[in-house]
Amino acid sequence: MGKFRSNVMNGPIRRAMWLNLGIKDEDMDRPKIAIVNSSSNLAVCFSHLDAIAKFAAEEIYKAGGISFEIRTVAPADFMFTGHSGGFVQASRDLITNDVEAAVEGAMLDGIICLASCDKTLPGQLMAAARMNIPTIVVACGYQPCGTYKGEHFDIEDLFQQLGHYAMGKVTDEEMKEMSEQAIKGPGVCQGMGTANTMHIACEALGFALPGTTPVLANSEKMWSAVSAACRRIVEMVEQDVRPRDLLTEAAFENCVKTVLSVSGSTNSMKHLQAIAKEAKSDIDVFDMFDRFGDEIPLLVGIKPNGPHFIDDLEAAGGTKAVMKQLESLLRTDAMTVSGKTVGENLKDAEVLDDDVVRPLNKAYNYRPAIILAKGNIAQEFGVIKLQVDDNYKPNYFRGPAKVFSNAFEANNAIRDGKIVKGDVVVIVGMGITGTPGMAGPGGLIFALDGMGLGSDVAIVTDGHASGLCNMALMVVDVTPEAAAGGNIGLIRDGDIVEIDALNRKLNVEVSDEELDKRRLTAKDYKKTGEEGWLKLYQDRVRPLNEGAILC
């Protein structure tokens, strides 16, 4: 029996299988590393991962280990649109369980995660936190894009124009030309959506090597990061560096502060909370976002939050540069997968463009980038994301509610002119159990923009929204959700809704007595008749303030 746990089962049957996989006897005592590969040819986000996995296997062997590739589901928001998109969020937890089943079942020694689209990285880190065996993450990069009419044009621009197209503002030929320019290679969406946010968050949390996010997919820098991570994971197994050693309060504080400074996707909140829960930690990530919001200025403005692009951030020094600017506000004693503290990692950090990554004394804005609002609509919280420019959309909105049970109804109302300037569009039943799995009003936002109503209408929903959806004043993730009896399900057409972002308030101007009266005849927003995975998910998922993990 060797020193690694994988050798416990090195009996004749395991040896017979491995010999036929080309593994030599003299290699069977090496540390066994799982390469977690969420590959799929359904979406370009994952199309390069097989080549990375093959390269990683070679690099791990050179470093003294042997590897086994583990496949998982590969959810992509733009492709997993069936069932109101509920499979996207729900697939995160499938990834977690896929990884656990394969790695624990085979008693492997360490994990290298190939992270791509939104849910892969949090699902992978949740598994690592649950199993608590050495793990490192490689962010596999953002996609290149093209130009349209001489201007930068990426998938977010196409998404926005799709809303204009639905409203008859863009022709078939224009949409065809745009589609041909939006994506020019593999990788995740270019904007500061959930994927790039989680890549940045992972490095700030200490689970990606310093200086490796964000990165252009298939670039020389990405390949170098893969190679370095493969060498490091073998060392981590030898040194027994485990996820819960790194998932400290200090690490989460650093991560939350970094996400706030780049105005990252609001989805990161639930994912980071889920990772904390899987680590058996009592850390309250939502409270951290609330507490640090006033302390952390907005230093980076990447589309759709500001004027720059993700490749500008990479060229300016990436996450490492952001953390360098934040250094005086960070817990620099936090340990990372590099084997060094945050402070040690930042000693050689450079900010190569301080207009893209601004210093603390020249920030874009000094009010919170992400706000948790509370009130009689959101007894726990509702999440609001603000942009760099306070003039781009209002921070305060008051108007009559137009209530819908799904985004399709709301889209039709926009097209038919039933939603007008000053309305508050309330979409209910889109929460974690209501969908189930969570739906989002992303297309609705761009439809409003297509009708010229972008900042003239507000949105309140118990669904979610990517960081890419940031045009109207919008409150998402309202908790408790309607399907759990939350007051958002008691709003009626014509009720006056007030959103006061900077004062963290979200209320409907209806008395407590009237709300209690409505509760007696309230609609049940929990969908019935579900089958298969979504039924299991609906029955077992915990609320958002617990990270929407499965109990």
Protein backbone atom coordinates (compact mmCIF):
# COMPACT_ATOMS: atom_id res chain seq x y z
CA MET A 1 0.00 0.00 0.00
CA GLY A 2 1.51 3.34 -1.10
CA LYS A 3 1.29 6.77 0.47
CA PHE A 4 -1.64 7.93 -1.69
CA ARG A 5 -5.24 6.99 -0.98
CA SER A 6 -5.62 5.76 -4.58
CA ASN A 7 -3.21 2.94 -3.80
CA VAL A 8 -5.54 1.44 -1.20
CA MET A 9 -7.36 -0.33 -4.00
CA ASN A 10 -4.35 -1.25 -6.14
CA GLY A 11 -5.40 -4.87 -6.39
CA PRO A 12 -5.25 -7.28 -9.33
CA ILE A 13 -8.54 -6.09 -10.89
CA ARG A 14 -7.55 -2.42 -10.84
CA ARG A 15 -4.10 -3.34 -12.19
CA ALA A 16 -5.67 -5.40 -15.00
CA MET A 17 -7.80 -2.47 -16.09
CA TRP A 18 -4.98 0.06 -15.92
CA LEU A 19 -2.52 -2.14 -17.78
CA ASN A 20 -4.99 -2.21 -20.65
CA LEU A 21 -5.22 1.58 -20.52
CA GLY A 22 -1.49 1.77 -21.15
CA ILE A 23 -0.46 2.47 -17.55
CA LYS A 24 2.76 0.72 -16.62
CA ASP A 25 3.38 -1.02 -13.31
CA GLU A 26 6.08 1.46 -12.37
CA ASP A 27 3.57 4.34 -12.80
CA MET A 28 0.80 2.91 -10.64
CA ASP A 29 2.24 4.38 -7.46
CA ARG A 30 2.13 7.92 -8.86
CA PRO A 31 -0.54 10.32 -7.54
CA LYS A 32 -3.78 9.88 -9.48
CA ILE A 33 -5.17 13.20 -10.73
CA ALA A 34 -8.72 13.68 -12.02
CA ILE A 35 -8.95 16.03 -15.00
CA VAL A 36 -12.50 17.39 -14.75
CA ASN A 37 -13.56 18.14 -18.30
CA SER A 38 -17.02 19.60 -18.95
CA SER A 39 -16.63 19.21 -22.69
CA SER A 40 -19.43 19.45 -25.23
CA ASN A 41 -19.87 20.33 -28.88
CA LEU A 42 -23.28 21.84 -28.13
CA ALA A 43 -21.65 25.19 -27.40
CA VAL A 44 -18.42 26.91 -28.38
CA CYS A 45 -17.73 27.64 -24.69
CA PHE A 46 -16.52 24.04 -24.28
CA SER A 47 -15.28 23.14 -27.75
CA HIS A 48 -11.58 23.50 -26.90
CA LEU A 49 -11.59 21.56 -23.65
CA ASP A 50 -10.81 18.14 -25.12
CA ALA A 51 -7.51 19.43 -26.52
CA ILE A 52 -6.73 21.04 -23.15
CA ALA A 53 -7.52 17.80 -21.32
CA LYS A 54 -5.17 15.85 -23.60
CA PHE A 55 -2.39 18.38 -23.05
CA ALA A 56 -3.02 18.38 -19.30
CA ALA A 57 -2.68 14.61 -19.16
CA GLU A 58 0.77 14.85 -20.75
CA GLU A 59 1.82 17.67 -18.42
CA ILE A 60 0.64 15.82 -15.32
CA TYR A 61 2.67 12.78 -16.35
CA LYS A 62 5.76 14.95 -16.84
CA ALA A 63 5.18 16.35 -13.35
CA GLY A 64 5.12 12.89 -11.79
CA GLY A 65 1.45 11.99 -11.73
CA ILE A 66 -0.99 10.07 -13.89
CA SER A 67 -4.40 11.38 -14.86
CA PHE A 68 -7.92 10.17 -15.48
CA GLU A 69 -10.40 12.30 -17.38
CA ILE A 70 -13.77 12.87 -15.70
CA ARG A 71 -16.69 14.09 -17.85
CA THR A 72 -19.64 16.09 -16.57
CA VAL A 73 -22.70 17.82 -17.97
CA ALA A 74 -21.77 21.07 -19.75
CA PRO A 75 -24.53 23.68 -19.28
CA ALA A 76 -24.47 26.78 -21.48
CA ASP A 77 -27.04 29.51 -20.91
CA PHE A 78 -27.55 30.24 -24.58
CA MET A 79 -28.11 26.54 -25.41
CA PHE A 80 -29.94 25.13 -22.36
CA THR A 81 -33.07 27.15 -23.02
CA GLY A 82 -35.59 24.32 -22.64
CA HIS A 83 -37.93 24.40 -19.67
CA SER A 84 -37.50 28.18 -19.31
CA GLY A 85 -33.76 27.67 -18.88
CA GLY A 86 -34.19 25.89 -15.56
CA PHE A 87 -31.67 23.21 -16.50
CA VAL A 88 -28.83 25.76 -16.47
CA GLN A 89 -28.73 26.46 -12.72
CA ALA A 90 -29.84 22.93 -11.87
CA SER A 91 -26.94 21.51 -13.90
CA ARG A 92 -24.45 23.17 -11.56
CA ASP A 93 -25.31 20.62 -8.91
CA LEU A 94 -25.19 17.77 -11.42
CA ILE A 95 -21.58 18.76 -12.08
CA THR A 96 -20.86 18.63 -8.36
CA ASN A 97 -22.32 15.17 -8.03
CA ASP A 98 -20.72 13.92 -11.25
CA VAL A 99 -17.30 14.89 -9.93
CA GLU A 100 -17.91 13.46 -6.48
CA ALA A 101 -19.16 10.13 -7.84
CA ALA A 102 -16.20 9.64 -10.17
CA VAL A 103 -13.42 10.95 -7.94
CA GLU A 104 -14.60 9.46 -4.66
CA GLY A 105 -15.71 6.24 -6.31
CA ALA A 106 -12.22 5.72 -7.73
CA MET A 107 -10.45 7.19 -4.66
CA LEU A 108 -8.36 9.57 -6.78
CA ASP A 109 -5.84 11.85 -5.08
CA GLY A 110 -6.31 15.30 -6.61
CA ILE A 111 -8.33 17.31 -9.09
CA ILE A 112 -7.52 19.77 -11.84
CA CYS A 113 -10.68 21.51 -13.06
CA LEU A 114 -11.01 22.87 -16.59
CA ALA A 115 -13.42 25.76 -16.05
CA SER A 116 -15.42 27.32 -18.83
CA CYS A 117 -19.04 28.55 -18.96
CA ASP A 118 -21.02 29.90 -16.03
CA LYS A 119 -21.92 26.83 -13.97
CA THR A 120 -18.87 24.64 -14.55
CA LEU A 121 -16.49 26.43 -12.19
CA PRO A 122 -18.87 26.74 -9.21
CA GLY A 123 -20.00 23.14 -9.69
CA GLN A 124 -16.39 21.98 -9.74
CA LEU A 125 -15.40 24.01 -6.66
CA MET A 126 -18.48 22.81 -4.78
CA ALA A 127 -17.32 19.24 -5.39
CA ALA A 128 -13.80 20.10 -4.26
CA ALA A 129 -15.11 21.71 -1.07
CA ARG A 130 -17.35 18.73 -0.36
CA MET A 131 -14.65 16.09 -0.91
CA ASN A 132 -11.79 18.19 0.49
CA ILE A 133 -9.02 16.72 -1.62
CA PRO A 134 -6.30 18.82 -3.35
CA THR A 135 -7.81 20.85 -6.19
CA ILE A 136 -6.69 23.54 -8.60
CA VAL A 137 -8.70 25.34 -11.28
CA VAL A 138 -7.65 26.42 -14.76
CA ALA A 139 -9.78 29.13 -16.36
CA CYS A 140 -9.94 28.07 -20.00
CA GLY A 141 -10.54 31.51 -21.36
CA TYR A 142 -12.83 33.93 -23.13
CA GLN A 143 -13.71 33.77 -26.81
CA PRO A 144 -12.39 36.16 -29.50
CA CYS A 145 -14.99 38.21 -31.34
CA GLY A 146 -15.30 40.13 -34.59
CA THR A 147 -16.48 43.54 -35.72
CA TYR A 148 -19.71 44.84 -37.21
CA LYS A 149 -19.76 48.10 -39.14
CA GLY A 150 -16.26 48.79 -37.91
CA GLU A 151 -17.08 48.36 -34.20
CA HIS A 152 -16.25 45.64 -31.67
CA PHE A 153 -19.09 43.11 -31.77
CA ASP A 154 -19.46 40.15 -29.41
CA ILE A 155 -22.13 37.72 -28.24
CA GLU A 156 -23.53 40.25 -25.77
CA ASP A 157 -24.07 42.72 -28.61
CA LEU A 158 -25.83 39.97 -30.56
CA PHE A 159 -28.01 39.16 -27.54
CA GLN A 160 -28.97 42.80 -27.26
CA GLN A 161 -29.76 43.05 -30.96
CA LEU A 162 -31.89 39.90 -30.72
CA GLY A 163 -34.24 41.87 -28.49
CA HIS A 164 -34.34 44.62 -31.12
CA TYR A 165 -34.98 41.98 -33.79
CA ALA A 166 -37.90 40.56 -31.80
CA MET A 167 -39.41 44.03 -31.73
CA GLY A 168 -38.97 44.43 -35.51
CA LYS A 169 -36.10 46.93 -35.25
CA VAL A 170 -33.45 44.75 -36.96
CA THR A 171 -33.75 42.98 -40.34
CA ASP A 172 -33.10 39.31 -41.09
CA GLU A 173 -30.04 40.22 -43.16
CA GLU A 174 -28.59 42.41 -40.42
CA MET A 175 -29.11 39.66 -37.86
CA LYS A 176 -27.38 37.17 -40.16
CA GLU A 177 -24.35 39.46 -40.55
CA MET A 178 -24.18 40.07 -36.81
CA SER A 179 -24.34 36.33 -36.05
CA GLU A 180 -21.32 35.76 -38.27
CA GLN A 181 -19.24 38.31 -36.34
CA ALA A 182 -20.18 37.72 -32.69
CA ILE A 183 -17.93 34.69 -32.05
CA LYS A 184 -14.59 33.97 -33.70
CA GLY A 185 -13.31 31.09 -31.59
CA PRO A 186 -13.86 28.96 -28.48
CA GLY A 187 -14.27 30.22 -24.95
CA VAL A 188 -16.80 32.01 -22.76
CA CYS A 189 -18.69 35.24 -23.46
CA GLN A 190 -16.53 38.36 -23.50
CA GLY A 191 -18.59 40.55 -21.17
CA MET A 192 -18.45 40.72 -17.38
CA GLY A 193 -21.09 38.03 -17.16
CA THR A 194 -21.07 35.06 -14.82
CA ALA A 195 -18.30 33.12 -16.59
CA ASN A 196 -15.63 35.84 -16.54
CA THR A 197 -16.78 36.91 -13.08
CA MET A 198 -16.33 33.38 -11.71
CA HIS A 199 -12.93 33.02 -13.38
CA ILE A 200 -11.81 36.23 -11.67
CA ALA A 201 -13.48 35.19 -8.41
CA CYS A 202 -11.65 31.85 -8.48
CA GLU A 203 -8.25 33.53 -8.64
CA ALA A 204 -9.25 35.99 -5.91
CA LEU A 205 -10.46 33.07 -3.77
CA GLY A 206 -7.06 31.44 -4.15
CA PHE A 207 -7.96 28.46 -6.36
CA ALA A 208 -6.42 29.56 -9.66
CA LEU A 209 -2.76 30.40 -10.00
CA PRO A 210 -2.04 34.15 -9.73
CA GLY A 211 -1.99 35.98 -13.04
CA THR A 212 -4.06 33.42 -14.97
CA THR A 213 -7.44 35.23 -15.25
CA PRO A 214 -8.97 36.51 -17.40
CA VAL A 215 -7.26 34.93 -20.40
CA LEU A 216 -7.95 34.55 -24.10
CA ALA A 217 -8.90 30.96 -24.89
CA ASN A 218 -6.19 28.95 -26.68
CA SER A 219 -3.66 31.75 -26.24
CA GLU A 220 -0.06 31.04 -25.31
CA LYS A 221 -0.80 32.45 -21.86
CA MET A 222 -3.67 29.99 -21.37
CA TRP A 223 -1.51 27.00 -22.35
CA SER A 224 1.22 28.17 -19.96
CA ALA A 225 -1.38 28.38 -17.19
CA VAL A 226 -2.51 24.81 -17.88
CA SER A 227 1.07 23.55 -17.72
CA ALA A 228 1.80 25.40 -14.48
CA ALA A 229 -1.41 24.13 -12.88
CA CYS A 230 -0.56 20.53 -13.82
CA ARG A 231 2.82 20.82 -12.12
CA ARG A 232 1.29 22.46 -9.07
CA ILE A 233 -1.52 19.93 -8.52
CA VAL A 234 1.01 17.11 -8.24
CA GLU A 235 2.89 19.16 -5.64
CA MET A 236 -0.36 19.90 -3.79
CA VAL A 237 -1.13 16.20 -3.51
CA GLU A 238 2.38 15.54 -2.18
CA GLN A 239 1.97 18.42 0.31
CA ASP A 240 -1.67 17.50 1.15
CA VAL A 241 -2.98 21.04 0.53
CA ARG A 242 -6.76 20.73 0.79
CA PRO A 243 -9.60 23.05 -0.25
CA ARG A 244 -10.83 23.69 3.28
CA ASP A 245 -7.33 24.86 4.19
CA LEU A 246 -7.86 27.66 1.65
CA LEU A 247 -11.59 28.35 1.95
CA THR A 248 -11.17 30.62 4.94
CA GLU A 249 -13.06 33.74 5.91
CA ALA A 250 -10.11 35.78 4.67
CA ALA A 251 -10.25 34.10 1.26
CA PHE A 252 -13.97 34.75 0.86
CA GLU A 253 -13.51 38.37 1.94
CA ASN A 254 -10.83 38.86 -0.72
CA CYS A 255 -13.04 37.23 -3.32
CA VAL A 256 -16.13 39.31 -2.51
CA LYS A 257 -14.12 42.55 -2.51
CA THR A 258 -12.60 41.71 -5.89
CA VAL A 259 -15.99 40.88 -7.42
CA LEU A 260 -17.41 44.15 -6.09
CA SER A 261 -14.49 46.12 -7.53
CA VAL A 262 -15.17 44.80 -11.05
CA SER A 263 -18.99 44.93 -10.71
CA GLY A 264 -19.21 41.22 -11.37
CA SER A 265 -22.28 39.12 -12.08
CA THR A 266 -24.83 38.87 -9.30
CA ASN A 267 -24.93 35.11 -9.91
CA SER A 268 -21.52 34.89 -8.26
CA MET A 269 -23.17 35.50 -4.89
CA LYS A 270 -25.17 32.29 -4.87
CA HIS A 271 -22.26 30.28 -6.27
CA LEU A 272 -19.79 31.50 -3.66
CA GLN A 273 -22.36 30.84 -0.93
CA ALA A 274 -22.81 27.30 -2.26
CA ILE A 275 -19.04 26.70 -2.16
CA ALA A 276 -18.94 27.90 1.46
CA LYS A 277 -21.82 25.60 2.39
CA GLU A 278 -20.17 22.59 0.75
CA ALA A 279 -17.03 23.38 2.77
CA LYS A 280 -19.14 23.05 5.95
CA SER A 281 -18.48 26.71 6.68
CA ASP A 282 -20.88 29.14 8.35
CA ILE A 283 -19.58 32.04 6.22
CA ASP A 284 -22.42 34.27 5.00
CA VAL A 285 -21.35 35.46 1.54
CA PHE A 286 -24.48 37.57 1.02
CA ASP A 287 -23.73 39.43 4.25
CA MET A 288 -20.17 40.03 3.02
CA PHE A 289 -21.47 41.62 -0.19
CA ASP A 290 -23.79 43.77 1.90
CA ARG A 291 -21.09 44.81 4.41
CA PHE A 292 -18.28 45.47 1.94
CA GLY A 293 -20.41 47.20 -0.68
CA ASP A 294 -19.84 50.66 0.80
CA GLU A 295 -16.14 50.00 1.37
CA ILE A 296 -15.08 48.79 -2.08
CA PRO A 297 -15.03 51.32 -4.95
CA LEU A 298 -15.64 50.38 -8.56
CA LEU A 299 -12.19 50.10 -10.15
CA VAL A 300 -12.96 48.28 -13.40
CA GLY A 301 -15.64 48.95 -16.01
CA ILE A 302 -15.93 46.06 -18.47
CA LYS A 303 -18.93 45.78 -20.80
CA PRO A 304 -21.77 46.05 -20.04
CA ASN A 305 -20.76 47.95 -16.90
CA GLY A 306 -18.32 50.37 -18.48
CA PRO A 307 -16.32 51.39 -21.54
CA HIS A 308 -13.67 48.65 -21.70
CA PHE A 309 -13.52 45.06 -22.97
CA ILE A 310 -12.31 41.92 -21.24
CA ASP A 311 -9.12 41.79 -23.32
CA ASP A 312 -8.37 45.31 -22.03
CA LEU A 313 -8.51 43.92 -18.50
CA GLU A 314 -6.20 41.05 -19.40
CA ALA A 315 -3.72 43.45 -21.03
CA ALA A 316 -3.84 45.72 -17.96
CA GLY A 317 -2.71 42.88 -15.69
CA GLY A 318 -5.95 41.02 -15.05
CA THR A 319 -7.16 39.90 -11.65
CA LYS A 320 -3.68 40.23 -10.20
CA ALA A 321 -3.66 43.93 -11.12
CA VAL A 322 -7.13 44.43 -9.63
CA MET A 323 -6.02 42.82 -6.38
CA LYS A 324 -2.86 44.95 -6.40
CA GLN A 325 -4.99 48.09 -6.47
CA LEU A 326 -7.13 46.64 -3.66
CA GLU A 327 -4.15 45.38 -1.66
CA SER A 328 -4.60 47.73 1.29
CA LEU A 329 -8.19 46.47 1.69
CA LEU A 330 -7.45 42.76 1.34
CA ARG A 331 -6.57 40.03 3.82
CA THR A 332 -3.09 39.46 2.43
CA ASP A 333 -2.35 36.58 4.81
CA ALA A 334 -4.83 34.31 3.00
CA MET A 335 -3.15 31.22 1.52
CA THR A 336 -3.63 30.23 -2.13
CA VAL A 337 -3.05 27.22 -4.38
CA SER A 338 0.30 28.71 -5.37
CA GLY A 339 1.62 27.77 -1.93
CA LYS A 340 2.03 31.46 -1.17
CA THR A 341 -0.13 34.05 0.53
CA VAL A 342 -2.05 36.73 -1.35
CA GLY A 343 0.53 39.26 -0.19
CA GLU A 344 3.39 37.18 -1.54
CA ASN A 345 1.57 36.69 -4.86
CA LEU A 346 1.09 40.45 -5.21
CA LYS A 347 4.73 41.45 -4.60
CA ASP A 348 5.54 41.37 -8.31
CA ALA A 349 2.08 42.47 -9.52
CA GLU A 350 1.93 45.36 -11.98
CA VAL A 351 -0.92 47.53 -13.15
CA LEU A 352 -0.16 48.04 -16.82
CA ASP A 353 -3.01 50.44 -17.52
CA ASP A 354 -4.45 52.37 -14.59
CA ASP A 355 -7.30 53.71 -16.70
CA VAL A 356 -8.61 50.14 -17.12
CA VAL A 357 -7.74 49.05 -13.56
CA ARG A 358 -7.99 52.22 -11.55
CA PRO A 359 -6.34 53.04 -8.22
CA LEU A 360 -8.47 53.56 -5.13
CA ASN A 361 -8.19 57.33 -5.34
CA LYS A 362 -9.40 57.49 -8.95
CA ALA A 363 -12.21 54.94 -8.96
CA TYR A 364 -15.09 55.04 -11.40
CA ASN A 365 -17.54 55.22 -8.53
CA TYR A 366 -17.61 55.04 -4.75
CA ARG A 367 -21.09 53.64 -4.17
CA PRO A 368 -21.78 49.89 -4.07
CA ALA A 369 -21.68 48.02 -7.37
CA ILE A 370 -23.97 45.27 -6.04
CA ILE A 371 -26.70 46.04 -3.53
CA LEU A 372 -28.92 43.86 -1.36
CA ALA A 373 -32.27 45.61 -1.00
CA LYS A 374 -34.88 44.63 1.58
CA GLY A 375 -38.50 45.49 2.28
CA ASN A 376 -41.97 44.04 2.22
CA ILE A 377 -41.35 42.57 -1.25
CA ALA A 378 -38.03 41.01 -0.29
CA GLN A 379 -38.03 39.93 3.35
CA GLU A 380 -34.57 38.36 2.91
CA PHE A 381 -33.12 40.34 -0.01
CA GLY A 382 -33.36 41.35 -3.63
CA VAL A 383 -30.16 41.92 -5.59
CA ILE A 384 -29.47 45.06 -7.63
CA LYS A 385 -26.43 45.61 -9.84
CA LEU A 386 -25.46 49.16 -10.76
CA GLN A 387 -23.26 50.38 -13.58
CA VAL A 388 -20.22 52.63 -13.70
CA ASP A 389 -22.21 55.67 -14.79
CA ASP A 390 -25.05 56.69 -12.47
CA ASN A 391 -26.59 58.66 -15.33
CA TYR A 392 -26.97 55.55 -17.48
CA LYS A 393 -29.92 54.26 -15.52
CA PRO A 394 -31.72 55.47 -12.41
CA ASN A 395 -30.91 54.32 -8.89
CA TYR A 396 -34.45 55.16 -7.81
CA PHE A 397 -37.71 54.13 -9.44
CA ARG A 398 -41.36 54.30 -8.40
CA GLY A 399 -44.23 53.17 -10.56
CA PRO A 400 -47.24 50.90 -11.08
CA ALA A 401 -46.69 47.16 -11.33
CA LYS A 402 -47.42 45.08 -14.40
CA VAL A 403 -47.35 41.49 -13.17
CA PHE A 404 -46.49 38.43 -15.28
CA SER A 405 -45.98 34.74 -14.55
CA ASN A 406 -43.19 34.32 -17.09
CA ALA A 407 -40.93 36.31 -19.39
CA PHE A 408 -42.80 35.24 -22.53
CA GLU A 409 -45.99 36.98 -21.36
CA ALA A 410 -43.96 40.09 -20.57
CA ASN A 411 -42.26 40.05 -23.98
CA ASN A 412 -45.64 39.85 -25.70
CA ALA A 413 -46.88 42.78 -23.61
CA ILE A 414 -43.88 44.85 -24.67
CA ARG A 415 -44.47 44.03 -28.34
CA ASP A 416 -48.17 44.91 -28.01
CA GLY A 417 -47.43 48.26 -26.34
CA LYS A 418 -48.94 47.25 -22.99
CA ILE A 419 -45.81 48.18 -21.07
CA VAL A 420 -45.10 51.89 -21.06
CA LYS A 421 -42.68 54.39 -19.60
CA GLY A 422 -42.85 54.41 -15.79
CA ASP A 423 -44.02 50.81 -15.36
CA VAL A 424 -42.42 48.30 -13.01
CA VAL A 425 -42.45 44.90 -14.69
CA VAL A 426 -42.84 42.21 -12.02
CA ILE A 427 -42.13 38.63 -13.12
CA VAL A 428 -42.92 35.96 -10.55
CA GLY A 429 -42.59 32.20 -10.34
CA MET A 430 -39.09 32.21 -11.83
CA GLY A 431 -37.24 31.30 -8.66
CA ILE A 432 -35.20 28.30 -7.68
CA THR A 433 -38.18 26.02 -7.00
CA GLY A 434 -40.74 27.90 -9.09
CA THR A 435 -39.13 27.38 -12.49
CA PRO A 436 -37.71 24.99 -11.14
CA GLY A 437 -34.01 25.72 -11.49
CA MET A 438 -34.33 29.49 -12.01
CA ALA A 439 -35.29 31.38 -15.13
CA GLY A 440 -34.14 34.83 -16.15
CA PRO A 441 -35.61 37.86 -17.90
CA GLY A 442 -32.55 38.54 -20.07
CA GLY A 443 -34.38 38.68 -23.38
CA LEU A 444 -36.99 40.93 -21.81
CA ILE A 445 -34.37 43.55 -20.97
CA PHE A 446 -33.18 43.73 -24.54
CA ALA A 447 -36.75 43.78 -25.85
CA LEU A 448 -37.37 46.83 -23.65
CA ASP A 449 -34.22 48.38 -25.07
CA GLY A 450 -35.45 47.58 -28.56
CA MET A 451 -38.61 49.56 -27.87
CA GLY A 452 -36.65 52.49 -26.47
CA LEU A 453 -37.74 51.80 -22.90
CA GLY A 454 -34.41 50.60 -21.49
CA SER A 455 -34.02 52.97 -18.53
CA ASP A 456 -37.67 54.08 -18.44
CA VAL A 457 -38.99 50.79 -17.05
CA ALA A 458 -37.84 48.86 -13.98
CA ILE A 459 -37.90 45.09 -13.41
CA VAL A 460 -38.46 43.07 -10.23
CA THR A 461 -38.21 39.27 -10.33
CA ASP A 462 -37.49 36.22 -8.23
CA GLY A 463 -35.55 34.91 -11.22
CA HIS A 464 -31.91 35.58 -11.95
CA ALA A 465 -29.96 37.58 -14.52
CA SER A 466 -26.48 37.31 -15.91
CA GLY A 467 -24.03 40.15 -15.49
CA LEU A 468 -24.65 40.84 -19.18
CA CYS A 469 -28.19 42.03 -18.47
CA ASN A 470 -27.58 45.46 -17.04
CA MET A 471 -29.61 48.07 -18.87
CA ALA A 472 -32.77 48.76 -16.85
CA LEU A 473 -32.92 49.19 -13.09
CA MET A 474 -33.56 45.60 -12.13
CA VAL A 475 -34.00 43.68 -8.89
CA VAL A 476 -33.30 39.95 -9.22
CA ASP A 477 -33.09 36.91 -6.92
CA VAL A 478 -35.90 38.27 -4.74
CA THR A 479 -35.99 35.99 -1.71
CA PRO A 480 -38.20 34.38 -0.52
CA GLU A 481 -39.39 33.54 -4.02
CA ALA A 482 -43.07 33.43 -4.94
CA ALA A 483 -43.10 29.61 -4.99
CA ALA A 484 -41.94 29.62 -1.36
CA GLY A 485 -44.67 32.03 -0.30
CA GLY A 486 -42.64 35.21 -0.70
CA ASN A 487 -44.46 38.53 -0.83
CA ILE A 488 -43.36 39.11 -4.43
CA GLY A 489 -46.15 36.67 -5.33
CA LEU A 490 -48.72 38.97 -3.69
CA ILE A 491 -48.11 41.99 -5.95
CA ARG A 492 -51.04 42.88 -8.21
CA ASP A 493 -51.32 44.98 -11.36
CA GLY A 494 -51.41 48.65 -10.47
CA ASP A 495 -49.73 48.34 -7.07
CA ILE A 496 -47.09 51.03 -6.64
CA VAL A 497 -43.61 49.55 -6.33
CA GLU A 498 -40.69 51.60 -4.99
CA ILE A 499 -37.05 50.68 -5.69
CA ASP A 500 -34.54 52.79 -3.76
CA ALA A 501 -31.20 51.18 -4.57
CA LEU A 502 -28.83 53.41 -2.64
CA ASN A 503 -30.98 53.14 0.48
CA ARG A 504 -31.34 49.37 -0.05
CA LYS A 505 -35.15 49.42 -0.08
CA LEU A 506 -37.67 47.43 -2.12
CA ASN A 507 -41.33 47.89 -1.22
CA VAL A 508 -44.83 47.69 -2.57
CA GLU A 509 -47.14 50.41 -1.24
CA VAL A 510 -49.67 47.98 0.18
CA SER A 511 -50.47 47.59 3.89
CA ASP A 512 -49.44 44.53 5.86
CA GLU A 513 -53.14 43.83 6.46
CA GLU A 514 -53.86 43.80 2.73
CA LEU A 515 -50.88 41.53 2.03
CA ASP A 516 -52.11 39.11 4.72
CA LYS A 517 -55.56 39.15 3.13
CA ARG A 518 -54.09 38.40 -0.30
CA ARG A 519 -52.01 35.58 1.15
CA LEU A 520 -55.20 33.61 1.89
CA THR A 521 -56.00 33.35 -1.82
CA ALA A 522 -52.50 33.62 -3.26
CA LYS A 523 -51.59 31.70 -6.39
CA ASP A 524 -49.35 28.67 -5.88
CA TYR A 525 -46.32 29.38 -8.05
CA LYS A 526 -44.64 26.04 -7.44
CA LYS A 527 -45.00 24.14 -10.70
CA THR A 528 -46.42 20.65 -10.44
CA GLY A 529 -46.04 17.62 -12.66
CA GLU A 530 -42.26 17.82 -12.89
CA GLU A 531 -40.37 14.66 -13.70
CA GLY A 532 -36.79 13.44 -13.69
CA TRP A 533 -33.88 15.62 -12.62
CA LEU A 534 -35.86 18.85 -12.24
CA LYS A 535 -38.35 17.11 -9.95
CA LEU A 536 -35.51 15.86 -7.76
CA TYR A 537 -33.96 19.32 -7.83
CA GLN A 538 -37.23 21.08 -6.98
CA ASP A 539 -37.85 18.77 -4.03
CA ARG A 540 -34.33 19.02 -2.57
CA VAL A 541 -32.93 22.47 -3.37
CA ARG A 542 -32.31 24.93 -0.55
CA PRO A 543 -33.08 28.68 -0.80
CA LEU A 544 -30.73 31.14 -2.46
CA ASN A 545 -29.45 32.45 0.86
CA GLU A 546 -28.05 28.95 1.40
CA GLY A 547 -26.46 28.91 -2.04
CA ALA A 548 -29.28 26.88 -3.67
CA ILE A 549 -27.41 23.69 -2.82
CA LEU A 550 -29.12 20.32 -2.60
CA CYS A 551 -29.83 19.11 0.91
